[in-house]
Amino acid sequence: MMRFIKYHPRSNTFVIEKRAFLEEDVVLDGNVIVGQEVKFWKNLIVSGRLELGKGSIVQGNVKAESAFVCATAKVLGNIETVSELVLLDGARINIAACEGDIRVRPGCSIGSVKAGGTLELVGKVTVRKVEPLTKVIVRAEK
């Protein structure tokens, strides 16, 4: 597993190379940048900021301080963040929960969402269920 992961000590950031394939739970203490089309068969737990690369797939759950999910990435389990969650175009999430704000770009699909702050939907977004007490802002795509 570690052969796909490089560590940058000055920024406390782990970088997972593109097209890597990880079969076990991945637990990293720091920030994580995931390359394109990386496959996680189980859970991904990050103590800092997560940037999930374009086309990556997480079969399990994701936990992070904050997360930036790139275009066409998929989280088949739950994603839980503390401060912020951003989903770019075409991302697919089963269940999203964030204590802060969630921003969702066009083409995204979310099964269920709960935001402690604001849920901002831009353009055409599919959301099956918005949990109670979630403030929602809907904007047209520019």
C-alpha atoms as a PDB file:
ATOM      1  CA  MET A   1       0.000   0.000   0.000  1.00  0.00           C
ATOM      2  CA  MET A   2       2.704   2.502   0.950  1.00  0.00           C
ATOM      3  CA  ARG A   3       4.362   2.266  -2.456  1.00  0.00           C
ATOM      4  CA  PHE A   4       1.469   4.312  -3.897  1.00  0.00           C
ATOM      5  CA  ILE A   5       1.638   6.943  -1.144  1.00  0.00           C
ATOM      6  CA  LYS A   6       4.258   9.668  -0.879  1.00  0.00           C
ATOM      7  CA  TYR A   7       4.627  12.014   2.099  1.00  0.00           C
ATOM      8  CA  HIS A   8       5.548  15.703   2.036  1.00  0.00           C
ATOM      9  CA  PRO A   9       6.648  16.558   5.598  1.00  0.00           C
ATOM     10  CA  ARG A  10       6.713  20.367   5.290  1.00  0.00           C
ATOM     11  CA  SER A  11       2.995  20.519   4.489  1.00  0.00           C
ATOM     12  CA  ASN A  12       2.050  17.319   6.355  1.00  0.00           C
ATOM     13  CA  THR A  13       0.476  16.066   3.131  1.00  0.00           C
ATOM     14  CA  PHE A  14       0.199  12.566   1.738  1.00  0.00           C
ATOM     15  CA  VAL A  15      -0.059  12.196  -2.043  1.00  0.00           C
ATOM     16  CA  ILE A  16      -1.597   9.044  -3.490  1.00  0.00           C
ATOM     17  CA  GLU A  17      -0.518   8.491  -7.074  1.00  0.00           C
ATOM     18  CA  LYS A  18      -3.076   8.221  -9.850  1.00  0.00           C
ATOM     19  CA  ARG A  19      -4.668   4.891 -10.732  1.00  0.00           C
ATOM     20  CA  ALA A  20      -3.588   3.369  -7.410  1.00  0.00           C
ATOM     21  CA  PHE A  21      -5.606   0.479  -6.019  1.00  0.00           C
ATOM     22  CA  LEU A  22      -5.991   0.236  -2.234  1.00  0.00           C
ATOM     23  CA  GLU A  23      -7.667  -2.850  -0.750  1.00  0.00           C
ATOM     24  CA  GLU A  24      -7.494  -2.065   2.981  1.00  0.00           C
ATOM     25  CA  ASP A  25      -8.791   0.778   5.147  1.00  0.00           C
ATOM     26  CA  VAL A  26      -6.631   3.860   4.638  1.00  0.00           C
ATOM     27  CA  VAL A  27      -6.101   5.991   7.758  1.00  0.00           C
ATOM     28  CA  LEU A  28      -3.770   8.974   7.344  1.00  0.00           C
ATOM     29  CA  ASP A  29      -2.843  11.620   9.899  1.00  0.00           C
ATOM     30  CA  GLY A  30      -2.537  14.803   7.851  1.00  0.00           C
ATOM     31  CA  ASN A  31      -3.768  16.241   4.573  1.00  0.00           C
ATOM     32  CA  VAL A  32      -4.311  13.952   1.587  1.00  0.00           C
ATOM     33  CA  ILE A  33      -4.263  14.580  -2.148  1.00  0.00           C
ATOM     34  CA  VAL A  34      -5.629  11.644  -4.130  1.00  0.00           C
ATOM     35  CA  GLY A  35      -4.688  11.308  -7.795  1.00  0.00           C
ATOM     36  CA  GLN A  36      -7.087  10.569 -10.625  1.00  0.00           C
ATOM     37  CA  GLU A  37      -8.945   7.267 -10.852  1.00  0.00           C
ATOM     38  CA  VAL A  38      -7.749   5.860  -7.523  1.00  0.00           C
ATOM     39  CA  LYS A  39      -9.813   2.938  -6.203  1.00  0.00           C
ATOM     40  CA  PHE A  40     -10.393   2.461  -2.465  1.00  0.00           C
ATOM     41  CA  TRP A  41     -12.112  -0.812  -1.626  1.00  0.00           C
ATOM     42  CA  LYS A  42     -12.720   0.144   1.988  1.00  0.00           C
ATOM     43  CA  ASN A  43     -12.775   3.265   4.171  1.00  0.00           C
ATOM     44  CA  LEU A  44     -10.700   6.427   3.842  1.00  0.00           C
ATOM     45  CA  ILE A  45     -10.078   8.358   7.069  1.00  0.00           C
ATOM     46  CA  VAL A  46      -8.094  11.600   7.019  1.00  0.00           C
ATOM     47  CA  SER A  47      -7.340  13.901   9.955  1.00  0.00           C
ATOM     48  CA  GLY A  48      -6.886  16.970   7.724  1.00  0.00           C
ATOM     49  CA  ARG A  49      -8.038  18.188   4.323  1.00  0.00           C
ATOM     50  CA  LEU A  50      -8.915  15.665   1.620  1.00  0.00           C
ATOM     51  CA  GLU A  51      -8.784  16.282  -2.125  1.00  0.00           C
ATOM     52  CA  LEU A  52     -10.327  13.278  -3.857  1.00  0.00           C
ATOM     53  CA  GLY A  53      -9.108  13.093  -7.452  1.00  0.00           C
ATOM     54  CA  LYS A  54     -11.169  13.051 -10.614  1.00  0.00           C
ATOM     55  CA  GLY A  55     -12.824   9.709 -11.285  1.00  0.00           C
ATOM     56  CA  SER A  56     -11.743   8.168  -7.976  1.00  0.00           C
ATOM     57  CA  ILE A  57     -14.007   5.662  -6.236  1.00  0.00           C
ATOM     58  CA  VAL A  58     -14.335   4.959  -2.507  1.00  0.00           C
ATOM     59  CA  GLN A  59     -16.319   1.792  -1.798  1.00  0.00           C
ATOM     60  CA  GLY A  60     -16.503   2.479   1.946  1.00  0.00           C
ATOM     61  CA  ASN A  61     -16.938   5.578   4.086  1.00  0.00           C
ATOM     62  CA  VAL A  62     -14.906   8.790   4.098  1.00  0.00           C
ATOM     63  CA  LYS A  63     -14.116  10.947   7.133  1.00  0.00           C
ATOM     64  CA  ALA A  64     -12.096  14.162   6.957  1.00  0.00           C
ATOM     65  CA  GLU A  65     -11.740  17.627   8.455  1.00  0.00           C
ATOM     66  CA  SER A  66     -12.760  19.067   5.075  1.00  0.00           C
ATOM     67  CA  ALA A  67     -13.120  17.522   1.639  1.00  0.00           C
ATOM     68  CA  PHE A  68     -12.899  18.604  -1.979  1.00  0.00           C
ATOM     69  CA  VAL A  69     -14.387  15.917  -4.228  1.00  0.00           C
ATOM     70  CA  CYS A  70     -13.349  16.357  -7.856  1.00  0.00           C
ATOM     71  CA  ALA A  71     -15.443  15.720 -10.951  1.00  0.00           C
ATOM     72  CA  THR A  72     -16.931  12.261 -11.510  1.00  0.00           C
ATOM     73  CA  ALA A  73     -15.575  10.913  -8.217  1.00  0.00           C
ATOM     74  CA  LYS A  74     -17.813   8.494  -6.312  1.00  0.00           C
ATOM     75  CA  VAL A  75     -18.252   7.719  -2.629  1.00  0.00           C
ATOM     76  CA  LEU A  76     -20.463   4.657  -2.353  1.00  0.00           C
ATOM     77  CA  GLY A  77     -20.630   4.888   1.440  1.00  0.00           C
ATOM     78  CA  ASN A  78     -20.976   7.978   3.630  1.00  0.00           C
ATOM     79  CA  ILE A  79     -18.814  11.079   3.602  1.00  0.00           C
ATOM     80  CA  GLU A  80     -18.494  13.009   6.863  1.00  0.00           C
ATOM     81  CA  THR A  81     -16.613  16.274   7.220  1.00  0.00           C
ATOM     82  CA  VAL A  82     -16.271  18.824   9.981  1.00  0.00           C
ATOM     83  CA  SER A  83     -15.692  22.194   8.344  1.00  0.00           C
ATOM     84  CA  GLU A  84     -16.470  22.077   4.604  1.00  0.00           C
ATOM     85  CA  LEU A  85     -17.483  19.785   1.752  1.00  0.00           C
ATOM     86  CA  VAL A  86     -17.237  20.733  -1.930  1.00  0.00           C
ATOM     87  CA  LEU A  87     -18.510  18.459  -4.704  1.00  0.00           C
ATOM     88  CA  LEU A  88     -17.458  19.245  -8.260  1.00  0.00           C
ATOM     89  CA  ASP A  89     -19.348  18.451 -11.463  1.00  0.00           C
ATOM     90  CA  GLY A  90     -20.675  14.919 -11.757  1.00  0.00           C
ATOM     91  CA  ALA A  91     -19.603  13.671  -8.322  1.00  0.00           C
ATOM     92  CA  ARG A  92     -21.756  10.902  -6.827  1.00  0.00           C
ATOM     93  CA  ILE A  93     -22.225  10.544  -3.074  1.00  0.00           C
ATOM     94  CA  ASN A  94     -24.474   8.161  -1.180  1.00  0.00           C
ATOM     95  CA  ILE A  95     -24.801  10.094   2.105  1.00  0.00           C
ATOM     96  CA  ALA A  96     -23.110  13.433   2.834  1.00  0.00           C
ATOM     97  CA  ALA A  97     -22.879  15.002   6.284  1.00  0.00           C
ATOM     98  CA  CYS A  98     -20.977  18.134   7.221  1.00  0.00           C
ATOM     99  CA  GLU A  99     -20.977  20.279  10.342  1.00  0.00           C
ATOM    100  CA  GLY A 100     -20.149  23.277   8.151  1.00  0.00           C
ATOM    101  CA  ASP A 101     -21.119  24.292   4.624  1.00  0.00           C
ATOM    102  CA  ILE A 102     -21.626  22.034   1.611  1.00  0.00           C
ATOM    103  CA  ARG A 103     -21.272  23.351  -1.946  1.00  0.00           C
ATOM    104  CA  VAL A 104     -22.483  21.196  -4.833  1.00  0.00           C
ATOM    105  CA  ARG A 105     -21.787  21.842  -8.534  1.00  0.00           C
ATOM    106  CA  PRO A 106     -23.942  20.796 -11.520  1.00  0.00           C
ATOM    107  CA  GLY A 107     -24.431  17.154 -12.403  1.00  0.00           C
ATOM    108  CA  CYS A 108     -23.821  15.850  -8.893  1.00  0.00           C
ATOM    109  CA  SER A 109     -25.986  13.198  -7.302  1.00  0.00           C
ATOM    110  CA  ILE A 110     -26.479  12.806  -3.547  1.00  0.00           C
ATOM    111  CA  GLY A 111     -28.706  10.260  -1.846  1.00  0.00           C
ATOM    112  CA  SER A 112     -29.060  12.077   1.471  1.00  0.00           C
ATOM    113  CA  VAL A 113     -27.467  15.267   2.747  1.00  0.00           C
ATOM    114  CA  LYS A 114     -27.193  17.052   6.083  1.00  0.00           C
ATOM    115  CA  ALA A 115     -25.341  20.317   6.596  1.00  0.00           C
ATOM    116  CA  GLY A 116     -24.810  22.091   9.887  1.00  0.00           C
ATOM    117  CA  GLY A 117     -24.229  25.275   7.909  1.00  0.00           C
ATOM    118  CA  THR A 118     -25.542  25.967   4.425  1.00  0.00           C
ATOM    119  CA  LEU A 119     -26.176  23.572   1.547  1.00  0.00           C
ATOM    120  CA  GLU A 120     -25.531  25.445  -1.701  1.00  0.00           C
ATOM    121  CA  LEU A 121     -26.730  23.780  -4.901  1.00  0.00           C
ATOM    122  CA  VAL A 122     -25.547  25.220  -8.219  1.00  0.00           C
ATOM    123  CA  GLY A 123     -27.267  24.219 -11.454  1.00  0.00           C
ATOM    124  CA  LYS A 124     -28.973  20.877 -11.958  1.00  0.00           C
ATOM    125  CA  VAL A 125     -28.204  18.671  -8.969  1.00  0.00           C
ATOM    126  CA  THR A 126     -29.974  15.493  -7.872  1.00  0.00           C
ATOM    127  CA  VAL A 127     -30.608  15.260  -4.134  1.00  0.00           C
ATOM    128  CA  ARG A 128     -32.965  12.525  -2.962  1.00  0.00           C
ATOM    129  CA  LYS A 129     -33.271  13.639   0.660  1.00  0.00           C
ATOM    130  CA  VAL A 130     -32.337  16.774   2.581  1.00  0.00           C
ATOM    131  CA  GLU A 131     -32.253  16.211   6.328  1.00  0.00           C
ATOM    132  CA  PRO A 132     -34.332  18.540   8.531  1.00  0.00           C
ATOM    133  CA  LEU A 133     -32.821  21.848   9.707  1.00  0.00           C
ATOM    134  CA  THR A 134     -30.530  22.092   6.678  1.00  0.00           C
ATOM    135  CA  LYS A 135     -30.496  25.583   5.173  1.00  0.00           C
ATOM    136  CA  VAL A 136     -30.597  25.282   1.364  1.00  0.00           C
ATOM    137  CA  ILE A 137     -29.554  27.839  -1.253  1.00  0.00           C
ATOM    138  CA  VAL A 138     -30.219  27.060  -4.920  1.00  0.00           C
ATOM    139  CA  ARG A 139     -28.395  29.025  -7.619  1.00  0.00           C
ATOM    140  CA  ALA A 140     -28.572  28.900 -11.390  1.00  0.00           C
ATOM    141  CA  GLU A 141     -25.447  27.866 -13.237  1.00  0.00           C
ATOM    142  CA  LYS A 142     -23.664  30.882 -14.725  1.00  0.00           C
END
